[in-house]
Amino acid sequence: MQASTLGHFMRESSPWTYAIVNLCHVLGIATLFGSLVVLDLRLMGVWRRTPLATITDVAAPVAAFGFSLAVFTGVGLFATKATEYVGNPFLYVKFPAIGLGLINVLALSRLPAWRERATRELSRGERFQLAFAGGLSLACWLTAITAGRLIAYW
C-alpha cells in the first residue's frame, strides 16, 4: 500500500497534503464521536424528555458522514507509512475496536426497539438493550480513538 499511487501522492505531492488529510481525518473523527456521544448517552437514558427518534434522526447521519470522512482520509494517512504502521501494536487495538463498533451498529439496527423507537413506548427490557448498545458503542469508539492517537507516539 505504501508503494501505491496513493502512498506516493501522500508523501511527494506537497508539504501540505499530509497536513490537510490529517486535519480532515481529525474532523471526521470529531464529527463521528461528537454525534455518537449525544446518541449513545440518549440510548443510555440521558435526556429522556427528548424523544429518542428526534436525536437519532439527526445524529445517525452525522455519525455516518464523520465515519466515512475518517475512513477515506485514514486510508491516505496509512498509505503514507504503511510499513511502519504494520509493526505498531496500537494499530492492532484500533482496527478491532472499529470492527466491534461497526458490529454493534449492525446489531443495534436489527433490534426491534431501534426499529420501533419512533412508533411506541419501549419496554424496560428494550430500553436496557439500547442502553447496553450505547455503552458498548462509547467503549468501542473511545478505544479506537485512543489507540489511533497512540499510534503516533509508538
Protein backbone atom coordinates (compact mmCIF):
# COMPACT_ATOMS: atom_id res chain seq x y z
CA MET A 1 0.00 0.00 0.00
CA GLN A 2 2.88 2.34 0.76
CA ALA A 3 4.22 1.81 -2.80
CA SER A 4 0.81 2.58 -4.33
CA THR A 5 -0.01 5.73 -6.24
CA LEU A 6 -1.84 7.00 -3.17
CA GLY A 7 1.20 6.39 -0.95
CA HIS A 8 3.48 8.27 -3.36
CA PHE A 9 0.95 11.09 -3.68
CA MET A 10 0.67 11.46 0.10
CA ARG A 11 4.44 11.65 0.53
CA GLU A 12 5.54 13.57 -2.54
CA SER A 13 2.80 15.90 -3.79
CA SER A 14 3.13 18.83 -1.40
CA PRO A 15 4.16 19.52 2.18
CA TRP A 16 0.54 20.47 2.81
CA THR A 17 -1.04 17.23 1.56
CA TYR A 18 -0.40 15.17 4.67
CA ALA A 19 -1.36 18.06 6.95
CA ILE A 20 -4.67 18.67 5.16
CA VAL A 21 -5.56 14.96 5.02
CA ASN A 22 -4.65 14.62 8.72
CA LEU A 23 -6.81 17.64 9.58
CA CYS A 24 -9.74 16.14 7.64
CA HIS A 25 -9.20 12.83 9.48
CA VAL A 26 -9.39 14.60 12.83
CA LEU A 27 -12.53 16.47 11.72
CA GLY A 28 -14.10 13.18 10.62
CA ILE A 29 -13.33 11.58 13.97
CA ALA A 30 -14.64 14.62 15.85
CA THR A 31 -17.84 14.57 13.79
CA LEU A 32 -18.29 10.85 14.33
CA PHE A 33 -17.58 10.87 18.03
CA GLY A 34 -19.41 14.11 18.78
CA SER A 35 -22.62 12.80 17.29
CA LEU A 36 -22.15 9.37 18.88
CA VAL A 37 -21.70 10.81 22.36
CA VAL A 38 -25.08 12.51 22.12
CA LEU A 39 -26.74 9.45 20.59
CA ASP A 40 -25.15 6.91 22.94
CA LEU A 41 -25.88 8.96 26.06
CA ARG A 42 -29.52 9.20 24.97
CA LEU A 43 -29.59 5.44 24.43
CA MET A 44 -28.22 5.08 27.95
CA GLY A 45 -31.09 7.14 29.37
CA VAL A 46 -29.80 10.71 29.45
CA TRP A 47 -32.23 13.41 28.18
CA ARG A 48 -35.27 11.13 28.46
CA ARG A 49 -37.59 14.06 27.82
CA THR A 50 -36.18 14.34 24.30
CA PRO A 51 -37.69 11.65 22.09
CA LEU A 52 -35.11 9.09 21.00
CA ALA A 53 -36.18 9.39 17.36
CA THR A 54 -35.52 13.14 17.41
CA ILE A 55 -31.89 12.57 18.36
CA THR A 56 -31.31 9.52 16.18
CA ASP A 57 -32.73 11.17 13.07
CA VAL A 58 -30.07 13.87 13.34
CA ALA A 59 -27.13 12.12 14.99
CA ALA A 60 -27.03 8.89 12.97
CA PRO A 61 -26.47 10.51 9.54
CA VAL A 62 -23.91 12.91 11.00
CA ALA A 63 -22.06 9.97 12.56
CA ALA A 64 -22.13 8.11 9.24
CA PHE A 65 -20.67 11.13 7.45
CA GLY A 66 -17.93 11.51 10.09
CA PHE A 67 -17.08 7.82 9.85
CA SER A 68 -16.90 7.98 6.05
CA LEU A 69 -14.61 11.01 6.16
CA ALA A 70 -12.38 9.35 8.78
CA VAL A 71 -12.11 6.14 6.74
CA PHE A 72 -11.42 7.93 3.47
CA THR A 73 -8.68 10.10 4.97
CA GLY A 74 -7.37 7.28 7.17
CA VAL A 75 -6.56 5.22 4.10
CA GLY A 76 -4.43 8.09 2.82
CA LEU A 77 -2.65 8.50 6.15
CA PHE A 78 -1.99 4.77 6.39
CA ALA A 79 -0.63 4.62 2.83
CA THR A 80 1.93 7.28 3.73
CA LYS A 81 3.89 4.97 6.09
CA ALA A 82 2.16 1.61 5.89
CA THR A 83 5.30 -0.45 6.52
CA GLU A 84 6.00 1.47 9.73
CA TYR A 85 2.41 1.22 10.94
CA VAL A 86 2.21 -2.55 10.47
CA GLY A 87 4.57 -3.03 13.43
CA ASN A 88 2.66 -0.63 15.67
CA PRO A 89 0.77 -2.52 18.41
CA PHE A 90 -1.84 0.22 18.74
CA LEU A 91 -2.95 -0.47 15.17
CA TYR A 92 -3.98 -3.94 16.37
CA VAL A 93 -6.14 -2.34 19.05
CA LYS A 94 -7.63 0.39 16.84
CA PHE A 95 -8.92 -1.75 13.98
CA PRO A 96 -10.63 -4.42 16.12
CA ALA A 97 -12.25 -1.65 18.19
CA ILE A 98 -13.59 -0.09 14.98
CA GLY A 99 -14.77 -3.51 13.80
CA LEU A 100 -16.56 -4.17 17.07
CA GLY A 101 -18.10 -0.69 16.92
CA LEU A 102 -19.45 -1.42 13.44
CA ILE A 103 -20.78 -4.83 14.53
CA ASN A 104 -22.51 -3.04 17.40
CA VAL A 105 -24.13 -0.60 14.95
CA LEU A 106 -25.35 -3.53 12.84
CA ALA A 107 -26.71 -5.36 15.90
CA LEU A 108 -28.38 -2.19 17.18
CA SER A 109 -30.07 -1.56 13.83
CA ARG A 110 -31.60 -5.06 13.96
CA LEU A 111 -33.12 -4.65 17.42
CA PRO A 112 -36.92 -4.23 17.39
CA ALA A 113 -36.52 -1.41 19.92
CA TRP A 114 -34.34 0.53 17.47
CA ARG A 115 -36.70 -0.01 14.55
CA GLU A 116 -39.76 0.96 16.60
CA ARG A 117 -38.23 3.81 18.60
CA ALA A 118 -40.48 6.41 16.96
CA THR A 119 -43.72 4.43 16.94
CA ARG A 120 -44.32 3.29 20.52
CA GLU A 121 -43.19 3.41 24.11
CA LEU A 122 -40.34 0.97 24.65
CA SER A 123 -40.39 -1.63 27.42
CA ARG A 124 -37.87 -1.62 30.23
CA GLY A 125 -36.05 -4.59 28.66
CA GLU A 126 -35.88 -2.83 25.31
CA ARG A 127 -34.50 0.33 26.93
CA PHE A 128 -31.88 -1.84 28.63
CA GLN A 129 -30.87 -3.34 25.26
CA LEU A 130 -30.47 0.14 23.79
CA ALA A 131 -28.53 1.32 26.85
CA PHE A 132 -26.17 -1.65 26.58
CA ALA A 133 -25.59 -0.93 22.88
CA GLY A 134 -24.94 2.74 23.68
CA GLY A 135 -22.42 1.89 26.40
CA LEU A 136 -20.66 -0.63 24.17
CA SER A 137 -20.54 1.95 21.39
CA LEU A 138 -18.88 4.53 23.63
CA ALA A 139 -16.33 1.95 24.80
CA CYS A 140 -15.50 0.85 21.24
CA TRP A 141 -15.09 4.32 19.78
CA LEU A 142 -13.16 5.68 22.77
CA THR A 143 -10.81 2.71 22.46
CA ALA A 144 -10.40 3.24 18.71
CA ILE A 145 -9.74 6.97 19.10
CA THR A 146 -7.28 6.46 21.96
CA ALA A 147 -5.38 3.72 20.13
CA GLY A 148 -5.35 5.81 16.96
CA ARG A 149 -3.82 8.73 18.79
CA LEU A 150 -1.24 6.49 20.49
CA ILE A 151 -0.10 5.20 17.08
CA ALA A 152 1.72 8.50 16.61
CA TYR A 153 3.72 8.00 19.82
CA TRP A 154 4.99 4.46 19.20
